Protein backbone atom coordinates (compact mmCIF):
# COMPACT_ATOMS: atom_id res chain seq x y z
CA MET A 1 -26.94 24.51 7.93
CA THR A 2 -23.88 23.85 10.07
CA SER A 3 -20.51 23.19 8.52
CA HIS A 4 -18.91 20.09 9.88
CA GLN A 5 -15.13 20.30 9.69
CA SER A 6 -13.33 16.99 9.73
CA THR A 7 -10.06 16.59 11.58
CA GLN A 8 -7.02 16.55 9.32
CA THR A 9 -4.87 13.52 9.93
CA MET A 10 -1.63 12.27 8.44
CA LYS A 11 0.27 9.04 8.29
CA PRO A 12 3.02 8.55 10.86
CA ALA A 13 5.67 8.76 8.09
CA THR A 14 4.42 12.22 7.11
CA ALA A 15 4.33 13.39 10.72
CA ALA A 16 7.86 12.04 11.34
CA LYS A 17 9.10 13.88 8.26
CA LYS A 18 7.51 17.13 9.47
CA LEU A 19 9.09 16.60 12.90
CA GLY A 20 12.50 15.84 11.34
CA VAL A 21 12.85 12.42 12.96
CA TYR A 22 13.49 8.89 11.72
CA LEU A 23 10.16 7.04 11.79
CA GLU A 24 11.62 3.67 12.74
CA ALA A 25 13.12 5.20 15.90
CA THR A 26 9.81 6.63 17.14
CA PRO A 27 7.67 4.83 19.75
CA ALA A 28 5.41 2.04 18.48
CA GLU A 29 2.22 3.95 19.34
CA PHE A 30 3.40 6.82 17.11
CA GLN A 31 4.26 4.46 14.23
CA GLU A 32 0.99 2.56 14.41
CA GLY A 33 -1.51 5.40 14.70
CA VAL A 34 -2.48 8.45 12.73
CA VAL A 35 -1.49 11.94 13.76
CA SER A 36 -3.91 14.85 13.66
CA ARG A 37 -2.81 18.36 12.76
CA THR A 38 -3.59 19.34 16.39
CA GLU A 39 -1.40 16.52 17.74
CA LEU A 40 1.43 17.48 15.39
CA ASN A 41 1.23 21.11 16.53
CA ALA A 42 1.31 19.95 20.16
CA LEU A 43 4.37 17.76 19.49
CA GLN A 44 6.13 20.72 17.89
CA ALA A 45 5.15 23.18 20.62
CA GLU A 46 5.93 20.94 23.58
CA PRO A 47 7.96 17.94 22.42
CA PRO A 48 7.84 14.88 24.68
CA ALA A 49 11.08 13.38 26.02
CA TRP A 50 11.33 10.77 23.24
CA LEU A 51 11.12 13.48 20.56
CA VAL A 52 13.69 15.70 22.28
CA GLU A 53 16.03 12.69 22.58
CA LEU A 54 15.58 11.70 18.92
CA ARG A 55 16.24 15.22 17.73
CA ARG A 56 19.33 15.49 19.90
CA ASN A 57 20.95 12.07 19.42
CA GLY A 58 19.18 10.42 16.50
CA PRO A 59 19.12 8.26 14.59
CA HIS A 60 18.44 11.05 12.13
CA PRO A 61 16.75 10.69 8.72
CA ARG A 62 18.85 11.35 5.61
CA PRO A 63 17.70 14.96 5.09
CA VAL A 64 18.84 15.82 8.63
CA VAL A 65 22.12 13.90 8.20
CA ALA A 66 22.77 15.74 4.93
CA SER A 67 22.06 19.09 6.56
CA LYS A 68 24.31 18.37 9.55
CA LEU A 69 27.14 17.37 7.21
CA GLY A 70 26.56 20.30 4.85
CA VAL A 71 25.92 18.17 1.77
CA SER A 72 22.96 17.18 -0.40
CA ILE A 73 21.01 13.95 0.00
CA ALA A 74 22.43 12.83 -3.35
CA GLY A 75 25.90 13.66 -2.01
CA LEU A 76 25.26 11.35 0.94
CA ALA A 77 24.37 8.55 -1.45
CA ARG A 78 27.50 9.20 -3.54
CA GLY A 79 29.48 9.02 -0.30
CA GLY A 80 27.93 5.63 0.50
CA VAL A 81 25.76 6.87 3.38
CA THR A 82 22.32 5.34 2.90
CA ASP A 83 21.19 4.68 6.47
CA ALA A 84 19.98 6.89 9.27
CA LEU A 85 22.87 8.01 11.48
CA THR A 86 23.15 9.05 15.10
CA THR A 87 24.60 12.39 16.12
CA GLU A 88 27.70 10.53 17.33
CA GLN A 89 28.17 8.88 13.93
CA ILE A 90 27.72 12.22 12.16
CA GLU A 91 30.33 13.82 14.41
CA ALA A 92 32.71 10.94 13.70
CA ILE A 93 32.34 11.52 9.95
CA LYS A 94 32.98 15.24 10.46
CA GLN A 95 36.12 14.49 12.49
CA GLU A 96 37.37 11.97 9.93
CA ASN A 97 36.54 14.44 7.10
CA PRO A 98 36.80 11.83 4.32
CA GLU A 99 37.57 12.85 0.76
CA TRP A 100 33.96 12.32 -0.38
CA LEU A 101 32.72 14.74 2.31
CA GLN A 102 35.21 17.41 1.29
CA LYS A 103 34.21 17.00 -2.36
CA GLU A 104 30.46 17.09 -1.62
CA ARG A 105 30.81 20.15 0.61
CA ALA A 106 32.70 21.92 -2.19
CA THR A 107 29.95 20.93 -4.61
CA GLN A 108 27.30 22.27 -2.21
CA ALA A 109 29.21 25.54 -1.87
CA GLU A 110 29.28 25.92 -5.66
CA VAL A 111 25.55 25.18 -5.90
CA ARG A 112 24.81 27.82 -3.25
CA LYS A 113 27.08 30.34 -4.95
CA GLU A 114 25.36 29.73 -8.29
CA ALA A 115 21.91 30.09 -6.67
CA VAL A 116 22.94 33.47 -5.22
CA ARG A 117 24.32 34.57 -8.61
CA ILE A 118 21.06 33.62 -10.36
CA LYS A 119 18.94 35.36 -7.73
CA GLU A 120 21.03 38.54 -8.02
CA LYS A 121 20.80 38.45 -11.82
CA GLN A 122 17.02 38.03 -11.64
CA ALA A 123 16.81 41.00 -9.24
CA GLN A 124 18.95 43.12 -11.59
CA ASP A 125 16.83 42.12 -14.58
CA ALA A 126 13.62 42.95 -12.69
CA ALA A 127 15.04 46.33 -11.64
CA ARG A 128 16.08 47.04 -15.22
CA ARG A 129 12.59 46.15 -16.50
CA ALA A 130 10.97 48.31 -13.81
CA GLY A 131 13.25 51.21 -14.82
CA LYS A 132 12.22 50.94 -18.48
CA GLN A 133 8.52 51.07 -17.63
CA ASP A 134 8.78 54.54 -16.05
């Protein structure tokens, strides 16, 4: 009995998300087809010119925009940014440094600080428990 392994495929939206690009900016043949795991790996290993260009200049999807600005996706929405942005537009926002961006970056910093505090406390608690078991 031979095992027949089927090829894993994904929708273009899933592949675009994994590649970190805005689906609507990808070529039509990418948007209209399905992407196999092998094709995705090939795109990641040796990106074609269109993928390199999209990653460099955008438009970028919201998670990438949020990351480049140092805020959360929710923070983008609170700041009124709901669309994909190009690298140039992101740089313009950074240069302008509006009040909402300053506030959201401060919020992000607090969230990160709290996450570190919690992780350290969990490590201390685990060490304490391990010490009591000896």
